[in-house]
N, C-alpha and C. Protein backbone atom coordinates (compact mmCIF):
# COMPACT_ATOMS: atom_id res chain seq x y z
N UNK A 1 104.60 106.36 65.14
CA UNK A 1 105.80 105.58 64.94
C UNK A 1 106.80 106.41 64.07
N UNK A 2 108.04 106.04 64.18
CA UNK A 2 109.12 106.71 63.45
C UNK A 2 109.69 105.72 62.43
N UNK A 3 109.82 106.24 61.21
CA UNK A 3 110.46 105.44 60.14
C UNK A 3 111.92 105.86 60.06
N UNK A 4 112.78 104.90 60.06
CA UNK A 4 114.21 105.15 59.85
C UNK A 4 114.58 104.69 58.43
N UNK A 5 115.09 105.62 57.66
CA UNK A 5 115.46 105.33 56.27
C UNK A 5 116.96 105.44 56.07
N UNK A 6 117.47 104.62 55.18
CA UNK A 6 118.82 104.81 54.64
C UNK A 6 118.64 105.27 53.19
N UNK A 7 119.23 106.43 52.89
CA UNK A 7 119.14 107.03 51.54
C UNK A 7 120.53 106.97 50.93
N UNK A 8 120.65 106.17 49.85
CA UNK A 8 121.95 105.89 49.25
C UNK A 8 122.03 106.50 47.88
N UNK A 9 123.09 107.26 47.63
CA UNK A 9 123.35 107.82 46.29
C UNK A 9 123.72 106.68 45.35
N UNK A 10 123.06 106.61 44.20
CA UNK A 10 123.40 105.64 43.18
C UNK A 10 124.58 106.19 42.39
N UNK A 11 125.78 105.63 42.69
CA UNK A 11 126.97 106.06 41.94
C UNK A 11 127.85 104.86 41.64
N UNK A 12 128.76 105.06 40.71
CA UNK A 12 129.62 103.96 40.25
C UNK A 12 131.00 103.99 40.89
N UNK A 13 131.16 104.77 41.93
CA UNK A 13 132.48 104.85 42.57
C UNK A 13 132.56 103.87 43.73
N UNK A 14 133.75 103.70 44.24
CA UNK A 14 133.94 102.82 45.39
C UNK A 14 133.47 103.47 46.68
N UNK A 15 133.31 104.76 46.68
CA UNK A 15 132.94 105.50 47.87
C UNK A 15 131.43 105.48 48.04
N UNK A 16 130.98 104.91 49.15
CA UNK A 16 129.56 104.93 49.46
C UNK A 16 129.18 106.31 49.99
N UNK A 17 127.99 106.78 49.54
CA UNK A 17 127.48 108.04 49.99
C UNK A 17 126.05 107.80 50.43
N UNK A 18 125.78 107.92 51.74
CA UNK A 18 124.40 107.71 52.21
C UNK A 18 124.15 108.54 53.45
N UNK A 19 122.85 108.68 53.75
CA UNK A 19 122.36 109.36 54.94
C UNK A 19 121.33 108.46 55.60
N UNK A 20 121.36 108.45 56.94
CA UNK A 20 120.34 107.75 57.72
C UNK A 20 119.44 108.82 58.32
N UNK A 21 118.15 108.69 58.08
CA UNK A 21 117.16 109.71 58.46
C UNK A 21 116.06 109.09 59.29
N UNK A 22 115.48 109.91 60.14
CA UNK A 22 114.27 109.52 60.90
C UNK A 22 113.18 110.51 60.58
N UNK A 23 111.97 109.97 60.40
CA UNK A 23 110.84 110.83 60.09
C UNK A 23 109.56 110.16 60.56
N UNK A 24 108.55 110.93 60.93
CA UNK A 24 107.30 110.34 61.40
C UNK A 24 106.56 109.62 60.26
N UNK A 25 105.97 108.49 60.56
CA UNK A 25 105.24 107.74 59.54
C UNK A 25 104.09 108.52 58.96
N UNK A 26 103.57 109.49 59.68
CA UNK A 26 102.43 110.27 59.23
C UNK A 26 102.83 111.51 58.41
N UNK A 27 104.16 111.76 58.30
CA UNK A 27 104.64 112.88 57.51
C UNK A 27 104.43 112.57 56.02
N UNK A 28 104.52 113.61 55.20
CA UNK A 28 104.31 113.42 53.77
C UNK A 28 105.63 113.11 53.07
N UNK A 29 105.48 112.65 51.82
CA UNK A 29 106.67 112.44 51.01
C UNK A 29 107.40 113.75 50.73
N UNK A 30 106.66 114.85 50.76
CA UNK A 30 107.31 116.16 50.60
C UNK A 30 108.24 116.44 51.78
N UNK A 31 107.84 116.03 52.99
CA UNK A 31 108.70 116.16 54.16
C UNK A 31 109.97 115.33 54.00
N UNK A 32 109.82 114.12 53.47
CA UNK A 32 110.98 113.26 53.22
C UNK A 32 111.85 113.88 52.13
N UNK A 33 111.25 114.38 51.10
CA UNK A 33 111.99 115.11 50.04
C UNK A 33 112.83 116.23 50.63
N UNK A 34 112.21 117.01 51.52
CA UNK A 34 112.93 118.17 52.13
C UNK A 34 114.14 117.73 52.95
N UNK A 35 114.01 116.71 53.76
CA UNK A 35 115.14 116.29 54.59
C UNK A 35 116.23 115.62 53.72
N UNK A 36 115.83 114.94 52.65
CA UNK A 36 116.84 114.36 51.76
C UNK A 36 117.63 115.49 51.11
N UNK A 37 116.95 116.46 50.53
CA UNK A 37 117.67 117.55 49.85
C UNK A 37 118.58 118.28 50.83
N UNK A 38 118.10 118.57 52.02
CA UNK A 38 118.91 119.26 53.01
C UNK A 38 120.12 118.42 53.45
N UNK A 39 119.90 117.13 53.68
CA UNK A 39 120.99 116.31 54.18
C UNK A 39 122.08 116.06 53.15
N UNK A 40 121.75 116.19 51.86
CA UNK A 40 122.77 116.01 50.82
C UNK A 40 123.28 117.34 50.29
N UNK A 41 122.77 118.48 50.85
CA UNK A 41 123.29 119.78 50.49
C UNK A 41 122.68 120.40 49.22
N UNK A 42 121.52 119.94 48.80
CA UNK A 42 120.83 120.54 47.65
C UNK A 42 119.99 121.71 48.15
N UNK A 43 119.70 122.65 47.24
CA UNK A 43 118.86 123.77 47.66
C UNK A 43 117.37 123.48 47.61
N UNK A 44 116.98 122.36 47.00
CA UNK A 44 115.58 121.95 47.02
C UNK A 44 114.72 122.63 45.98
N UNK A 45 115.30 123.34 45.03
CA UNK A 45 114.51 124.10 44.05
C UNK A 45 114.28 123.35 42.74
N UNK A 46 114.88 122.19 42.58
CA UNK A 46 114.74 121.44 41.34
C UNK A 46 113.57 120.47 41.40
N UNK A 47 113.14 120.04 40.23
CA UNK A 47 112.06 119.04 40.14
C UNK A 47 112.52 117.71 40.74
N UNK A 48 111.61 117.03 41.39
CA UNK A 48 111.97 115.76 42.03
C UNK A 48 110.75 114.86 42.06
N UNK A 49 111.02 113.55 42.11
CA UNK A 49 109.96 112.56 42.18
C UNK A 49 110.45 111.34 42.98
N UNK A 50 109.49 110.71 43.66
CA UNK A 50 109.70 109.39 44.24
C UNK A 50 109.05 108.39 43.32
N UNK A 51 109.57 107.18 43.32
CA UNK A 51 109.00 106.09 42.56
C UNK A 51 108.88 104.90 43.49
N UNK A 52 107.69 104.32 43.58
CA UNK A 52 107.53 103.11 44.36
C UNK A 52 108.35 102.02 43.71
N UNK A 53 109.06 101.25 44.49
CA UNK A 53 109.99 100.23 43.96
C UNK A 53 109.72 98.87 44.56
N UNK A 54 110.12 97.85 43.80
CA UNK A 54 110.02 96.49 44.31
C UNK A 54 111.38 96.07 44.89
N UNK A 55 111.52 94.80 45.25
CA UNK A 55 112.73 94.33 45.86
C UNK A 55 113.95 94.38 44.95
N UNK A 56 113.75 94.41 43.63
CA UNK A 56 114.87 94.49 42.67
C UNK A 56 115.15 95.91 42.24
N UNK A 57 114.53 96.91 42.89
CA UNK A 57 114.70 98.32 42.62
C UNK A 57 114.14 98.69 41.23
N UNK A 58 113.12 98.03 40.78
CA UNK A 58 112.42 98.40 39.54
C UNK A 58 111.55 99.62 39.82
N UNK A 59 111.59 100.57 38.91
CA UNK A 59 110.85 101.81 39.09
C UNK A 59 109.39 101.62 38.80
N UNK A 60 108.55 101.99 39.77
CA UNK A 60 107.09 101.84 39.62
C UNK A 60 106.41 103.19 39.53
N UNK A 61 105.30 103.31 40.20
CA UNK A 61 104.46 104.51 40.14
C UNK A 61 105.22 105.73 40.60
N UNK A 62 105.01 106.83 39.87
CA UNK A 62 105.68 108.14 40.22
C UNK A 62 104.82 108.93 41.17
N UNK A 63 105.50 109.57 42.15
CA UNK A 63 104.86 110.52 43.04
C UNK A 63 105.74 111.77 42.96
N UNK A 64 105.18 112.82 42.40
CA UNK A 64 105.91 113.99 42.00
C UNK A 64 105.76 115.17 42.96
N UNK A 65 106.72 116.09 42.91
CA UNK A 65 106.63 117.31 43.72
C UNK A 65 105.59 118.28 43.12
N UNK A 66 105.49 118.31 41.80
CA UNK A 66 104.54 119.16 41.10
C UNK A 66 103.74 118.32 40.10
N UNK A 67 102.51 118.74 39.83
CA UNK A 67 101.68 118.04 38.84
C UNK A 67 101.95 118.63 37.47
N UNK A 68 102.64 117.88 36.65
CA UNK A 68 102.93 118.28 35.27
C UNK A 68 102.08 117.52 34.26
N UNK A 69 101.12 116.75 34.74
CA UNK A 69 100.29 115.96 33.83
C UNK A 69 99.29 116.88 33.14
N UNK A 70 98.81 116.46 31.98
CA UNK A 70 97.86 117.23 31.20
C UNK A 70 96.49 117.29 31.86
N UNK A 71 96.15 116.23 32.56
CA UNK A 71 94.80 116.13 33.14
C UNK A 71 94.74 116.35 34.65
N UNK A 72 95.87 116.74 35.27
CA UNK A 72 95.87 116.99 36.71
C UNK A 72 95.73 115.75 37.54
N UNK A 73 96.14 114.59 37.03
CA UNK A 73 95.92 113.34 37.74
C UNK A 73 97.18 112.81 38.44
N UNK A 74 98.25 113.56 38.43
CA UNK A 74 99.51 113.07 39.04
C UNK A 74 99.36 112.95 40.54
N UNK A 75 100.03 111.94 41.07
CA UNK A 75 100.07 111.76 42.52
C UNK A 75 101.16 112.68 43.06
N UNK A 76 100.85 113.46 44.09
CA UNK A 76 101.75 114.50 44.60
C UNK A 76 102.33 114.14 45.95
N UNK A 77 103.58 114.59 46.18
CA UNK A 77 104.27 114.33 47.45
C UNK A 77 103.55 114.94 48.63
N UNK A 78 103.05 116.16 48.51
CA UNK A 78 102.44 116.83 49.65
C UNK A 78 101.11 116.22 50.04
N UNK A 79 100.51 115.42 49.14
CA UNK A 79 99.24 114.78 49.43
C UNK A 79 99.39 113.28 49.79
N UNK A 80 100.63 112.79 49.82
CA UNK A 80 100.88 111.38 50.04
C UNK A 80 101.64 111.17 51.34
N UNK A 81 101.03 110.48 52.26
CA UNK A 81 101.67 110.16 53.56
C UNK A 81 102.64 109.01 53.38
N UNK A 82 103.72 109.03 54.15
CA UNK A 82 104.71 107.99 54.09
C UNK A 82 104.13 106.61 54.29
N UNK A 83 103.27 106.47 55.32
CA UNK A 83 102.73 105.15 55.64
C UNK A 83 101.71 104.66 54.62
N UNK A 84 101.35 105.50 53.62
CA UNK A 84 100.49 105.05 52.53
C UNK A 84 101.27 104.35 51.43
N UNK A 85 102.59 104.62 51.36
CA UNK A 85 103.40 104.01 50.28
C UNK A 85 104.58 103.18 50.78
N UNK A 86 104.95 103.36 52.02
CA UNK A 86 106.08 102.63 52.57
C UNK A 86 105.63 101.91 53.85
N UNK A 87 105.99 100.61 53.91
CA UNK A 87 105.71 99.81 55.10
C UNK A 87 106.63 98.60 55.05
N UNK A 88 106.53 97.74 56.03
CA UNK A 88 107.44 96.60 56.11
C UNK A 88 107.41 95.70 54.89
N UNK A 89 106.25 95.54 54.27
CA UNK A 89 106.13 94.70 53.10
C UNK A 89 106.57 95.41 51.83
N UNK A 90 106.60 96.74 51.84
CA UNK A 90 106.99 97.57 50.70
C UNK A 90 107.96 98.66 51.19
N UNK A 91 109.23 98.27 51.45
CA UNK A 91 110.14 99.20 52.13
C UNK A 91 111.00 100.08 51.21
N UNK A 92 110.85 100.02 49.86
CA UNK A 92 111.80 100.70 48.98
C UNK A 92 111.14 101.73 48.11
N UNK A 93 111.88 102.84 47.94
CA UNK A 93 111.52 103.91 47.00
C UNK A 93 112.75 104.31 46.23
N UNK A 94 112.55 104.83 45.03
CA UNK A 94 113.63 105.46 44.31
C UNK A 94 113.32 106.92 44.30
N UNK A 95 114.33 107.76 44.54
CA UNK A 95 114.14 109.22 44.58
C UNK A 95 115.06 109.85 43.53
N UNK A 96 114.50 110.66 42.67
CA UNK A 96 115.27 111.33 41.67
C UNK A 96 115.13 112.83 41.87
N UNK A 97 116.27 113.51 41.99
CA UNK A 97 116.28 114.96 42.19
C UNK A 97 117.00 115.60 40.99
N UNK A 98 116.38 116.66 40.44
CA UNK A 98 116.93 117.42 39.33
C UNK A 98 117.01 116.55 38.07
N UNK A 99 115.96 116.58 37.29
CA UNK A 99 115.81 115.71 36.13
C UNK A 99 116.83 116.02 35.02
N UNK A 100 117.51 117.15 35.09
CA UNK A 100 118.60 117.41 34.14
C UNK A 100 119.87 116.68 34.54
N UNK A 101 120.17 116.69 35.86
CA UNK A 101 121.37 116.02 36.38
C UNK A 101 121.10 114.57 36.72
N UNK A 102 119.86 114.23 37.06
CA UNK A 102 119.45 112.88 37.40
C UNK A 102 120.19 112.34 38.64
N UNK A 103 120.19 113.12 39.71
CA UNK A 103 120.66 112.58 40.99
C UNK A 103 119.68 111.50 41.37
N UNK A 104 120.18 110.27 41.55
CA UNK A 104 119.29 109.11 41.82
C UNK A 104 119.69 108.51 43.16
N UNK A 105 118.69 108.26 44.01
CA UNK A 105 118.92 107.71 45.32
C UNK A 105 118.01 106.52 45.56
N UNK A 106 118.54 105.54 46.29
CA UNK A 106 117.75 104.41 46.75
C UNK A 106 117.35 104.71 48.18
N UNK A 107 116.07 104.68 48.48
CA UNK A 107 115.53 105.00 49.79
C UNK A 107 114.92 103.73 50.35
N UNK A 108 115.50 103.24 51.47
CA UNK A 108 115.00 101.99 52.01
C UNK A 108 114.64 102.15 53.48
N UNK A 109 113.47 101.68 53.83
CA UNK A 109 113.04 101.67 55.21
C UNK A 109 113.86 100.63 55.97
N UNK A 110 114.63 101.11 56.97
CA UNK A 110 115.49 100.21 57.73
C UNK A 110 114.82 99.64 58.92
N UNK A 111 114.04 100.49 59.64
CA UNK A 111 113.28 100.00 60.79
C UNK A 111 112.20 101.00 61.19
N UNK A 112 111.27 100.50 61.97
CA UNK A 112 110.19 101.32 62.51
C UNK A 112 110.33 101.27 64.03
N UNK A 113 110.43 102.45 64.67
CA UNK A 113 110.67 102.52 66.10
C UNK A 113 109.67 103.47 66.76
N UNK A 114 109.64 103.43 68.06
CA UNK A 114 108.83 104.37 68.83
C UNK A 114 109.45 105.76 68.78
N UNK A 115 108.60 106.78 68.87
CA UNK A 115 109.08 108.15 68.86
C UNK A 115 109.78 108.45 70.19
N UNK A 116 110.94 109.06 70.09
CA UNK A 116 111.69 109.49 71.30
C UNK A 116 111.21 110.88 71.70
N UNK A 117 111.00 111.09 73.00
CA UNK A 117 110.45 112.35 73.49
C UNK A 117 111.37 113.54 73.26
N UNK A 118 112.64 113.34 73.33
CA UNK A 118 113.58 114.47 73.27
C UNK A 118 114.11 114.74 71.86
N UNK A 119 113.53 114.10 70.85
CA UNK A 119 114.05 114.21 69.48
C UNK A 119 113.07 114.99 68.62
N UNK A 120 113.61 115.94 67.81
CA UNK A 120 112.81 116.66 66.86
C UNK A 120 112.86 115.87 65.55
N UNK A 121 111.71 115.78 64.88
CA UNK A 121 111.63 115.04 63.61
C UNK A 121 111.19 115.98 62.50
N UNK A 122 111.66 115.78 61.30
CA UNK A 122 112.62 114.77 60.85
C UNK A 122 113.99 115.00 61.43
N UNK A 123 114.77 113.92 61.49
CA UNK A 123 116.07 113.93 62.13
C UNK A 123 117.13 113.27 61.25
N UNK A 124 118.22 113.97 61.04
CA UNK A 124 119.38 113.39 60.32
C UNK A 124 120.22 112.65 61.37
N UNK A 125 120.28 111.33 61.26
CA UNK A 125 120.96 110.52 62.27
C UNK A 125 122.43 110.30 61.97
N UNK A 126 122.75 110.07 60.68
CA UNK A 126 124.11 109.66 60.34
C UNK A 126 124.43 110.11 58.90
N UNK A 127 125.65 110.57 58.70
CA UNK A 127 126.14 111.00 57.39
C UNK A 127 127.37 110.17 57.06
N UNK A 128 127.39 109.60 55.86
CA UNK A 128 128.56 108.86 55.38
C UNK A 128 128.85 109.26 53.97
N UNK A 129 130.07 109.75 53.75
CA UNK A 129 130.53 110.10 52.41
C UNK A 129 130.10 111.49 51.97
N UNK A 130 130.87 112.03 51.02
CA UNK A 130 130.59 113.34 50.49
C UNK A 130 129.98 113.20 49.10
N UNK A 131 128.97 113.98 48.84
CA UNK A 131 128.34 113.93 47.52
C UNK A 131 129.28 114.59 46.52
N UNK A 132 129.42 113.99 45.32
CA UNK A 132 130.30 114.57 44.30
C UNK A 132 129.77 115.92 43.82
N UNK A 133 130.64 116.66 43.12
CA UNK A 133 130.23 117.98 42.60
C UNK A 133 129.19 117.86 41.50
N UNK A 134 129.24 116.77 40.73
CA UNK A 134 128.27 116.55 39.66
C UNK A 134 127.64 115.18 39.83
N UNK A 135 126.43 115.06 39.29
CA UNK A 135 125.72 113.78 39.40
C UNK A 135 126.46 112.71 38.62
N UNK A 136 126.44 111.47 39.14
CA UNK A 136 127.04 110.36 38.39
C UNK A 136 126.38 110.20 37.04
N UNK A 137 127.17 109.80 36.04
CA UNK A 137 126.67 109.60 34.67
C UNK A 137 125.64 108.47 34.67
N UNK A 138 124.60 108.62 33.89
CA UNK A 138 123.58 107.60 33.72
C UNK A 138 123.72 107.02 32.32
N UNK A 139 123.66 105.70 32.24
CA UNK A 139 123.60 105.05 30.94
C UNK A 139 122.27 104.38 30.81
N UNK A 140 121.56 104.70 29.76
CA UNK A 140 120.23 104.15 29.52
C UNK A 140 120.35 103.13 28.43
N UNK A 141 120.21 101.88 28.79
CA UNK A 141 120.35 100.77 27.82
C UNK A 141 119.11 99.88 27.94
N UNK A 142 118.68 99.43 26.80
CA UNK A 142 117.57 98.48 26.78
C UNK A 142 118.02 97.12 27.27
N UNK A 143 117.13 96.43 27.93
CA UNK A 143 117.45 95.08 28.40
C UNK A 143 117.19 94.10 27.25
N UNK A 144 117.86 93.00 27.30
CA UNK A 144 117.61 91.95 26.34
C UNK A 144 118.69 91.87 25.27
N UNK A 145 118.49 90.91 24.36
CA UNK A 145 119.44 90.63 23.32
C UNK A 145 119.09 91.47 22.07
N UNK A 146 120.02 92.32 21.63
CA UNK A 146 119.78 93.15 20.47
C UNK A 146 119.67 92.37 19.18
N UNK A 147 120.21 91.15 19.13
CA UNK A 147 120.20 90.36 17.91
C UNK A 147 118.90 89.61 17.70
N UNK A 148 118.04 89.61 18.69
CA UNK A 148 116.78 88.85 18.57
C UNK A 148 115.86 89.47 17.53
N UNK A 149 115.77 90.79 17.51
CA UNK A 149 114.85 91.44 16.60
C UNK A 149 115.48 92.69 16.05
N UNK A 150 115.53 92.81 14.76
CA UNK A 150 116.03 94.01 14.09
C UNK A 150 114.99 94.36 13.07
N UNK A 151 114.26 95.44 13.34
CA UNK A 151 113.16 95.81 12.43
C UNK A 151 113.63 96.17 11.03
N UNK A 152 114.89 96.44 10.83
CA UNK A 152 115.40 96.82 9.51
C UNK A 152 116.07 95.67 8.79
N UNK A 153 116.06 94.53 9.37
CA UNK A 153 116.68 93.35 8.75
C UNK A 153 115.71 92.72 7.76
N UNK A 154 116.00 92.88 6.47
CA UNK A 154 115.11 92.36 5.44
C UNK A 154 115.87 91.65 4.34
N UNK A 155 117.13 91.36 4.54
CA UNK A 155 117.98 90.64 3.58
C UNK A 155 118.16 91.39 2.28
N UNK A 156 117.97 92.69 2.26
CA UNK A 156 118.22 93.50 1.07
C UNK A 156 119.56 94.16 1.17
N UNK A 157 120.28 94.14 0.08
CA UNK A 157 121.57 94.85 0.03
C UNK A 157 121.31 96.25 -0.52
N UNK A 158 121.30 97.24 0.37
CA UNK A 158 120.98 98.60 -0.07
C UNK A 158 122.05 99.18 -0.96
N UNK A 159 123.23 98.61 -1.02
CA UNK A 159 124.30 99.10 -1.89
C UNK A 159 124.21 98.47 -3.29
N UNK A 160 123.37 97.50 -3.48
CA UNK A 160 123.20 96.83 -4.78
C UNK A 160 121.96 97.44 -5.46
N UNK A 161 122.13 98.65 -6.03
CA UNK A 161 121.00 99.41 -6.55
C UNK A 161 120.35 98.73 -7.75
N UNK A 162 121.10 97.99 -8.54
CA UNK A 162 120.54 97.37 -9.72
C UNK A 162 119.53 96.28 -9.40
N UNK A 163 119.67 95.66 -8.26
CA UNK A 163 118.77 94.55 -7.91
C UNK A 163 117.68 94.94 -6.91
N UNK A 164 117.54 96.22 -6.64
CA UNK A 164 116.44 96.64 -5.77
C UNK A 164 115.20 96.84 -6.63
N UNK A 165 114.20 96.05 -6.34
CA UNK A 165 112.94 96.13 -7.10
C UNK A 165 111.98 97.07 -6.34
N UNK A 166 111.98 98.31 -6.76
CA UNK A 166 111.19 99.30 -6.01
C UNK A 166 109.69 99.04 -6.14
N UNK A 167 109.27 98.50 -7.27
CA UNK A 167 107.83 98.22 -7.41
C UNK A 167 107.37 97.18 -6.41
N UNK A 168 108.21 96.18 -6.20
CA UNK A 168 107.84 95.09 -5.30
C UNK A 168 108.00 95.48 -3.84
N UNK A 169 108.95 96.36 -3.52
CA UNK A 169 109.25 96.68 -2.14
C UNK A 169 108.80 98.09 -1.72
N UNK A 170 108.00 98.68 -2.55
CA UNK A 170 107.54 100.04 -2.25
C UNK A 170 106.49 100.01 -1.17
N UNK A 171 106.54 100.96 -0.24
CA UNK A 171 105.59 101.00 0.86
C UNK A 171 104.22 101.41 0.42
């Protein structure tokens, strides 16, 4: 069977940038990595990882191009088949290319079709939009209300030196 994916650049502009790709379900995530980098014009030499995702695009388990773990236990792209991590019930992955620039893509399984005899796979089906010269800026913010907990809130006035009882508040 053939998996058809839509790979969308996560950016904050009005211009959508995506590629529609076809790849065999038995191919590896490394094969998907290669066609993504080629279709977006990257040279493919930077570190990259896929992350299994849920319906809300929450980042789950990492599947990396190289094993950088201390104990050699990382899940690797070349050892992971597409149909082991992507299927109709779990159609979404997050792909990050170049951890310094943080190019981030949403990879979604659009459909599963029969293999066409005259088509070479993987196959770039459709290109929409031009990738920007630099990766979109990432803002990393914690979720939740910042006023709920402040570990430094202890009702002490640090500017009132005369009333600070160091014996009582010493660690």
